[in-house]
Amino acid sequence: MKFFRFNIIGMIPQVNTYDAAGAWIARNDFRHDKHPLIVEFHGVGKYYLNNAGPDRASSENHERHMKLLNAGYRVFNLVWADLFRAREFTKIRAAIAEFG
């Protein structure tokens, strides 16, 4: 993962995330260990692996994303190509710095 390359520390992989009431929201690709910041990687392939089809998978993903936002998390959604660009990692690093 490119976090280290961009001097981003504190990102924990594969973390279960809960809302303030303790209800499970999602298992996230990466979540910061001190700040409410999440990084998710997306590919269209997972939508076609859903037994209910890609439309249902897309709807479930949107609902999950909204729950994370409503719980106060800042969410960065990356695609494969973002691994080869500095822009998104620069934004992630800046967002962490904003938390203080």
Protein backbone atom coordinates (compact mmCIF):
# COMPACT_ATOMS: atom_id res chain seq x y z
CA MET A 1 0.00 0.00 0.00
CA LYS A 2 1.23 3.48 -0.75
CA PHE A 3 0.45 5.08 2.58
CA PHE A 4 4.04 4.71 3.77
CA ARG A 5 5.39 6.21 0.55
CA PHE A 6 3.33 9.35 1.17
CA ASN A 7 4.25 9.52 4.87
CA ILE A 8 0.75 8.52 5.97
CA ILE A 9 0.82 6.62 9.23
CA GLY A 10 -1.90 5.12 11.38
CA MET A 11 -3.92 3.37 8.66
CA ILE A 12 -5.15 0.01 9.93
CA PRO A 13 -6.30 -2.57 7.35
CA GLN A 14 -9.57 -4.51 7.46
CA VAL A 15 -11.28 -2.84 10.43
CA ASN A 16 -14.86 -3.30 11.58
CA THR A 17 -16.54 0.08 12.04
CA TYR A 18 -19.46 0.81 14.35
CA ASP A 19 -21.72 3.80 14.88
CA ALA A 20 -22.05 5.68 18.20
CA ALA A 21 -24.78 3.26 19.36
CA GLY A 22 -22.48 0.28 18.74
CA ALA A 23 -24.26 -0.97 15.61
CA TRP A 24 -21.94 -2.51 13.01
CA ILE A 25 -21.69 -0.45 9.83
CA ALA A 26 -19.02 -2.10 7.71
CA ARG A 27 -15.67 -3.76 7.45
CA ASN A 28 -13.44 -1.11 5.93
CA ASP A 29 -10.36 -1.55 3.80
CA PHE A 30 -8.43 0.96 5.94
CA ARG A 31 -9.33 3.17 8.90
CA HIS A 32 -7.10 5.61 10.74
CA ASP A 33 -6.21 4.55 14.26
CA LYS A 34 -6.87 7.98 15.83
CA HIS A 35 -9.09 9.97 13.49
CA PRO A 36 -12.49 9.24 11.87
CA LEU A 37 -10.99 8.68 8.42
CA ILE A 38 -11.58 5.70 6.16
CA VAL A 39 -10.04 4.68 2.83
CA GLU A 40 -11.91 2.26 0.61
CA PHE A 41 -10.78 0.65 -2.64
CA HIS A 42 -13.40 -0.06 -5.26
CA GLY A 43 -13.56 -2.15 -8.36
CA VAL A 44 -16.59 -2.97 -10.48
CA GLY A 45 -15.91 -6.71 -10.24
CA LYS A 46 -17.40 -6.99 -6.76
CA TYR A 47 -20.74 -5.74 -8.04
CA TYR A 48 -21.02 -8.71 -10.36
CA LEU A 49 -20.11 -11.18 -7.62
CA ASN A 50 -23.20 -10.25 -5.58
CA ASN A 51 -25.84 -12.99 -5.79
CA ALA A 52 -28.57 -10.35 -6.09
CA GLY A 53 -26.82 -8.70 -9.03
CA PRO A 54 -24.89 -5.48 -9.63
CA ASP A 55 -27.81 -3.11 -9.03
CA ARG A 56 -28.39 -4.50 -5.54
CA ALA A 57 -24.67 -4.48 -4.79
CA SER A 58 -24.42 -0.84 -5.85
CA SER A 59 -27.40 0.08 -3.68
CA GLU A 60 -25.91 -1.74 -0.67
CA ASN A 61 -22.58 0.01 -1.19
CA HIS A 62 -24.28 3.40 -1.34
CA GLU A 63 -26.23 2.69 1.86
CA ARG A 64 -23.02 1.61 3.60
CA HIS A 65 -21.22 4.74 2.46
CA MET A 66 -24.03 6.96 3.74
CA LYS A 67 -23.99 5.22 7.13
CA LEU A 68 -20.25 5.89 7.43
CA LEU A 69 -20.71 9.56 6.55
CA ASN A 70 -23.65 9.92 8.94
CA ALA A 71 -21.54 8.35 11.70
CA GLY A 72 -19.02 11.17 11.21
CA TYR A 73 -16.34 9.45 9.13
CA ARG A 74 -14.46 11.12 6.33
CA VAL A 75 -14.37 8.53 3.54
CA PHE A 76 -11.94 8.43 0.63
CA ASN A 77 -13.03 6.14 -2.20
CA LEU A 78 -10.16 5.03 -4.42
CA VAL A 79 -10.00 2.95 -7.58
CA TRP A 80 -7.10 0.93 -8.92
CA ALA A 81 -5.75 3.81 -11.02
CA ASP A 82 -5.46 6.00 -7.91
CA LEU A 83 -2.63 3.76 -6.72
CA PHE A 84 -0.55 5.30 -9.50
CA ARG A 85 -1.44 8.92 -8.75
CA ALA A 86 -0.20 11.11 -5.92
CA ARG A 87 -3.30 13.32 -5.81
CA GLU A 88 -5.55 11.16 -3.63
CA PHE A 89 -2.79 10.26 -1.19
CA THR A 90 -1.91 13.95 -0.85
CA LYS A 91 -5.57 14.64 -0.01
CA ILE A 92 -5.60 11.84 2.58
CA ARG A 93 -2.44 13.18 4.21
CA ALA A 94 -3.92 16.71 4.30
CA ALA A 95 -7.17 15.43 5.83
CA ILE A 96 -5.26 13.68 8.61
CA ALA A 97 -3.29 16.88 9.28
CA GLU A 98 -6.59 18.79 9.58
CA PHE A 99 -7.64 16.55 12.45
CA GLY A 100 -4.57 17.77 14.29
